[in-house]
């Protein structure tokens, strides 16, 4: 069974392994595009609620959260190589 790490431990591990990639420039168009994709995912998830498509709703909601988190850290000119590192950075 894998050992669960605190957010601080995960951040330190990600940082030590080089999983945070500095970006040279701030790409506002990319950020806007990511936010638009997240909005579309959330809109689609809302449309599926009456159909009780919970697995799809969950996946779309997580994808939206992932996109928004990635867009948020791009404001600091950082890219993460995986989900765990992305959320620990946040």
N, C-alpha and C. Protein backbone atom coordinates (compact mmCIF):
# COMPACT_ATOMS: atom_id res chain seq x y z
N UNK A 1 0.85 -1.18 0.00
CA UNK A 1 0.00 0.00 0.00
C UNK A 1 0.90 1.25 0.00
N UNK A 2 0.58 2.23 -0.87
CA UNK A 2 1.43 3.42 -0.94
C UNK A 2 1.31 4.26 0.32
N UNK A 3 2.40 4.94 0.66
CA UNK A 3 2.38 5.84 1.80
C UNK A 3 1.75 7.16 1.35
N UNK A 4 0.80 7.64 2.13
CA UNK A 4 0.18 8.92 1.83
C UNK A 4 1.02 10.04 2.42
N UNK A 5 1.22 11.06 1.63
CA UNK A 5 2.05 12.19 2.04
C UNK A 5 1.17 13.39 2.34
N UNK A 6 1.62 14.23 3.25
CA UNK A 6 0.94 15.50 3.49
C UNK A 6 1.19 16.40 2.28
N UNK A 7 0.44 17.48 2.19
CA UNK A 7 0.65 18.39 1.06
C UNK A 7 2.06 18.98 1.08
N UNK A 8 2.59 19.22 2.28
CA UNK A 8 3.94 19.75 2.39
C UNK A 8 4.98 18.73 1.93
N UNK A 9 4.78 17.47 2.34
CA UNK A 9 5.71 16.40 1.93
C UNK A 9 5.66 16.19 0.42
N UNK A 10 4.45 16.21 -0.13
CA UNK A 10 4.30 16.03 -1.58
C UNK A 10 4.96 17.19 -2.33
N UNK A 11 4.74 18.40 -1.86
CA UNK A 11 5.36 19.57 -2.50
C UNK A 11 6.88 19.43 -2.49
N UNK A 12 7.45 19.07 -1.35
CA UNK A 12 8.91 18.92 -1.23
C UNK A 12 9.42 17.84 -2.18
N UNK A 13 8.69 16.74 -2.25
CA UNK A 13 9.09 15.64 -3.14
C UNK A 13 9.03 16.07 -4.60
N UNK A 14 7.94 16.74 -4.97
CA UNK A 14 7.79 17.21 -6.35
C UNK A 14 8.88 18.22 -6.71
N UNK A 15 9.17 19.11 -5.78
CA UNK A 15 10.20 20.12 -6.00
C UNK A 15 11.57 19.46 -6.16
N UNK A 16 11.86 18.49 -5.30
CA UNK A 16 13.16 17.80 -5.35
C UNK A 16 13.33 17.01 -6.65
N UNK A 17 12.25 16.46 -7.17
CA UNK A 17 12.31 15.66 -8.40
C UNK A 17 12.22 16.52 -9.67
N UNK A 18 12.06 17.82 -9.52
CA UNK A 18 11.99 18.69 -10.69
C UNK A 18 10.67 18.62 -11.42
N UNK A 19 9.59 18.35 -10.71
CA UNK A 19 8.28 18.24 -11.34
C UNK A 19 7.58 19.58 -11.54
N UNK A 20 8.18 20.65 -11.09
CA UNK A 20 7.66 21.99 -11.35
C UNK A 20 8.56 22.63 -12.41
N UNK A 21 7.99 22.91 -13.55
CA UNK A 21 8.75 23.44 -14.68
C UNK A 21 8.48 24.95 -14.79
N UNK A 22 9.52 25.78 -14.64
CA UNK A 22 9.32 27.22 -14.82
C UNK A 22 9.08 27.57 -16.29
N UNK A 23 8.14 28.44 -16.53
CA UNK A 23 7.85 28.92 -17.88
C UNK A 23 8.48 30.31 -18.03
N UNK A 24 8.95 30.61 -19.21
CA UNK A 24 9.61 31.90 -19.44
C UNK A 24 8.62 33.04 -19.58
N UNK A 25 7.47 32.74 -20.17
CA UNK A 25 6.52 33.82 -20.44
C UNK A 25 5.13 33.44 -19.94
N UNK A 26 4.36 34.46 -19.65
CA UNK A 26 2.97 34.29 -19.25
C UNK A 26 2.11 34.25 -20.51
N UNK A 27 1.42 33.15 -20.74
CA UNK A 27 0.60 32.98 -21.94
C UNK A 27 -0.88 33.16 -21.58
N UNK A 28 -1.34 34.39 -21.64
CA UNK A 28 -2.72 34.72 -21.26
C UNK A 28 -3.72 34.00 -22.16
N UNK A 29 -3.41 33.87 -23.45
CA UNK A 29 -4.34 33.18 -24.35
C UNK A 29 -4.52 31.72 -23.97
N UNK A 30 -3.45 31.07 -23.56
CA UNK A 30 -3.55 29.68 -23.11
C UNK A 30 -4.41 29.59 -21.85
N UNK A 31 -4.19 30.50 -20.92
CA UNK A 31 -4.97 30.52 -19.69
C UNK A 31 -6.45 30.72 -19.99
N UNK A 32 -6.76 31.66 -20.86
CA UNK A 32 -8.15 31.91 -21.24
C UNK A 32 -8.77 30.67 -21.88
N UNK A 33 -8.01 30.01 -22.73
CA UNK A 33 -8.49 28.80 -23.38
C UNK A 33 -8.78 27.70 -22.35
N UNK A 34 -7.90 27.55 -21.38
CA UNK A 34 -8.09 26.54 -20.34
C UNK A 34 -9.34 26.83 -19.51
N UNK A 35 -9.56 28.10 -19.19
CA UNK A 35 -10.75 28.48 -18.42
C UNK A 35 -12.01 28.19 -19.23
N UNK A 36 -11.96 28.47 -20.53
CA UNK A 36 -13.12 28.20 -21.39
C UNK A 36 -13.42 26.70 -21.44
N UNK A 37 -12.40 25.88 -21.54
CA UNK A 37 -12.59 24.43 -21.56
C UNK A 37 -13.21 23.97 -20.24
N UNK A 38 -12.72 24.52 -19.13
CA UNK A 38 -13.27 24.16 -17.81
C UNK A 38 -14.74 24.56 -17.72
N UNK A 39 -15.08 25.74 -18.22
CA UNK A 39 -16.47 26.18 -18.21
C UNK A 39 -17.36 25.25 -19.03
N UNK A 40 -16.88 24.84 -20.18
CA UNK A 40 -17.65 23.92 -21.03
C UNK A 40 -17.84 22.57 -20.34
N UNK A 41 -16.79 22.07 -19.67
CA UNK A 41 -16.91 20.81 -18.93
C UNK A 41 -17.96 20.92 -17.84
N UNK A 42 -17.94 22.02 -17.09
CA UNK A 42 -18.91 22.20 -16.02
C UNK A 42 -20.33 22.35 -16.55
N UNK A 43 -20.46 23.05 -17.66
CA UNK A 43 -21.78 23.22 -18.28
C UNK A 43 -22.33 21.86 -18.73
N UNK A 44 -21.49 21.05 -19.34
CA UNK A 44 -21.90 19.72 -19.78
C UNK A 44 -22.26 18.85 -18.57
N UNK A 45 -21.49 18.94 -17.50
CA UNK A 45 -21.78 18.18 -16.29
C UNK A 45 -23.15 18.57 -15.73
N UNK A 46 -23.46 19.86 -15.71
CA UNK A 46 -24.78 20.31 -15.23
C UNK A 46 -25.91 19.77 -16.11
N UNK A 47 -25.68 19.75 -17.41
CA UNK A 47 -26.70 19.23 -18.33
C UNK A 47 -26.96 17.74 -18.12
N UNK A 48 -25.97 17.02 -17.63
CA UNK A 48 -26.11 15.58 -17.43
C UNK A 48 -26.74 15.20 -16.09
N UNK A 49 -26.87 16.14 -15.17
CA UNK A 49 -27.44 15.83 -13.85
C UNK A 49 -28.84 15.22 -13.94
N UNK A 50 -29.75 15.77 -14.73
CA UNK A 50 -31.08 15.15 -14.80
C UNK A 50 -31.05 13.71 -15.32
N UNK A 51 -30.03 13.37 -16.08
CA UNK A 51 -29.92 12.01 -16.62
C UNK A 51 -29.20 11.07 -15.65
N UNK A 52 -28.74 11.62 -14.52
CA UNK A 52 -28.05 10.84 -13.48
C UNK A 52 -26.82 10.11 -14.03
N UNK A 53 -26.06 10.77 -14.86
CA UNK A 53 -24.83 10.21 -15.43
C UNK A 53 -23.67 10.57 -14.51
N UNK A 54 -23.68 10.01 -13.29
CA UNK A 54 -22.78 10.44 -12.24
C UNK A 54 -21.31 10.21 -12.56
N UNK A 55 -20.97 9.12 -13.19
CA UNK A 55 -19.56 8.86 -13.50
C UNK A 55 -19.03 9.93 -14.47
N UNK A 56 -19.79 10.25 -15.47
CA UNK A 56 -19.40 11.27 -16.44
C UNK A 56 -19.37 12.65 -15.79
N UNK A 57 -20.34 12.93 -14.93
CA UNK A 57 -20.38 14.21 -14.21
C UNK A 57 -19.13 14.36 -13.35
N UNK A 58 -18.76 13.29 -12.66
CA UNK A 58 -17.57 13.32 -11.81
C UNK A 58 -16.33 13.58 -12.66
N UNK A 59 -16.17 12.86 -13.75
CA UNK A 59 -14.99 13.03 -14.61
C UNK A 59 -14.91 14.45 -15.17
N UNK A 60 -16.02 14.97 -15.65
CA UNK A 60 -16.03 16.32 -16.21
C UNK A 60 -15.71 17.36 -15.13
N UNK A 61 -16.24 17.16 -13.93
CA UNK A 61 -16.00 18.10 -12.84
C UNK A 61 -14.53 18.07 -12.43
N UNK A 62 -13.95 16.88 -12.35
CA UNK A 62 -12.53 16.78 -12.01
C UNK A 62 -11.67 17.42 -13.10
N UNK A 63 -12.01 17.17 -14.35
CA UNK A 63 -11.26 17.77 -15.45
C UNK A 63 -11.32 19.30 -15.38
N UNK A 64 -12.49 19.83 -15.03
CA UNK A 64 -12.62 21.28 -14.90
C UNK A 64 -11.74 21.80 -13.76
N UNK A 65 -11.76 21.12 -12.63
CA UNK A 65 -10.92 21.50 -11.50
C UNK A 65 -9.44 21.46 -11.88
N UNK A 66 -9.06 20.42 -12.59
CA UNK A 66 -7.68 20.27 -13.04
C UNK A 66 -7.29 21.42 -13.97
N UNK A 67 -8.14 21.73 -14.93
CA UNK A 67 -7.86 22.82 -15.88
C UNK A 67 -7.72 24.15 -15.17
N UNK A 68 -8.63 24.42 -14.24
CA UNK A 68 -8.58 25.70 -13.53
C UNK A 68 -7.34 25.81 -12.64
N UNK A 69 -6.96 24.71 -12.01
CA UNK A 69 -5.77 24.70 -11.17
C UNK A 69 -4.52 24.92 -12.02
N UNK A 70 -4.46 24.23 -13.15
CA UNK A 70 -3.32 24.39 -14.05
C UNK A 70 -3.25 25.83 -14.56
N UNK A 71 -4.39 26.40 -14.92
CA UNK A 71 -4.42 27.78 -15.39
C UNK A 71 -3.95 28.73 -14.28
N UNK A 72 -4.37 28.46 -13.06
CA UNK A 72 -4.01 29.31 -11.93
C UNK A 72 -2.50 29.35 -11.71
N UNK A 73 -1.85 28.19 -11.74
CA UNK A 73 -0.41 28.21 -11.50
C UNK A 73 0.38 28.74 -12.71
N UNK A 74 -0.25 28.73 -13.88
CA UNK A 74 0.41 29.34 -15.04
C UNK A 74 0.59 30.84 -14.85
N UNK A 75 -0.27 31.45 -14.01
CA UNK A 75 -0.09 32.87 -13.70
C UNK A 75 1.24 33.10 -12.99
N UNK A 76 1.75 32.08 -12.32
CA UNK A 76 3.06 32.18 -11.66
C UNK A 76 4.17 31.63 -12.55
N UNK A 77 3.81 31.36 -13.82
CA UNK A 77 4.76 30.83 -14.81
C UNK A 77 5.34 29.49 -14.38
N UNK A 78 4.47 28.62 -13.89
CA UNK A 78 4.86 27.28 -13.45
C UNK A 78 3.96 26.26 -14.15
N UNK A 79 4.56 25.15 -14.57
CA UNK A 79 3.82 24.01 -15.10
C UNK A 79 4.20 22.81 -14.25
N UNK A 80 3.21 21.97 -13.96
CA UNK A 80 3.46 20.77 -13.16
C UNK A 80 3.42 19.55 -14.07
N UNK A 81 4.24 18.56 -13.74
CA UNK A 81 4.30 17.36 -14.57
C UNK A 81 3.25 16.30 -14.21
N UNK A 82 2.56 16.45 -13.07
CA UNK A 82 1.50 15.49 -12.74
C UNK A 82 0.47 16.12 -11.81
N UNK A 83 -0.62 15.40 -11.62
CA UNK A 83 -1.75 15.93 -10.83
C UNK A 83 -1.38 16.17 -9.38
N UNK A 84 -0.69 15.22 -8.77
CA UNK A 84 -0.34 15.37 -7.36
C UNK A 84 0.52 16.61 -7.13
N UNK A 85 1.48 16.78 -8.00
CA UNK A 85 2.36 17.96 -7.87
C UNK A 85 1.59 19.24 -8.15
N UNK A 86 0.70 19.20 -9.12
CA UNK A 86 -0.12 20.36 -9.44
C UNK A 86 -0.89 20.83 -8.23
N UNK A 87 -1.58 19.92 -7.57
CA UNK A 87 -2.42 20.31 -6.43
C UNK A 87 -1.58 20.63 -5.21
N UNK A 88 -0.41 20.00 -5.05
CA UNK A 88 0.44 20.34 -3.91
C UNK A 88 1.03 21.74 -4.10
N UNK A 89 1.30 22.12 -5.35
CA UNK A 89 1.80 23.47 -5.62
C UNK A 89 0.75 24.51 -5.25
N UNK A 90 -0.48 24.22 -5.62
CA UNK A 90 -1.58 25.15 -5.32
C UNK A 90 -1.71 25.35 -3.83
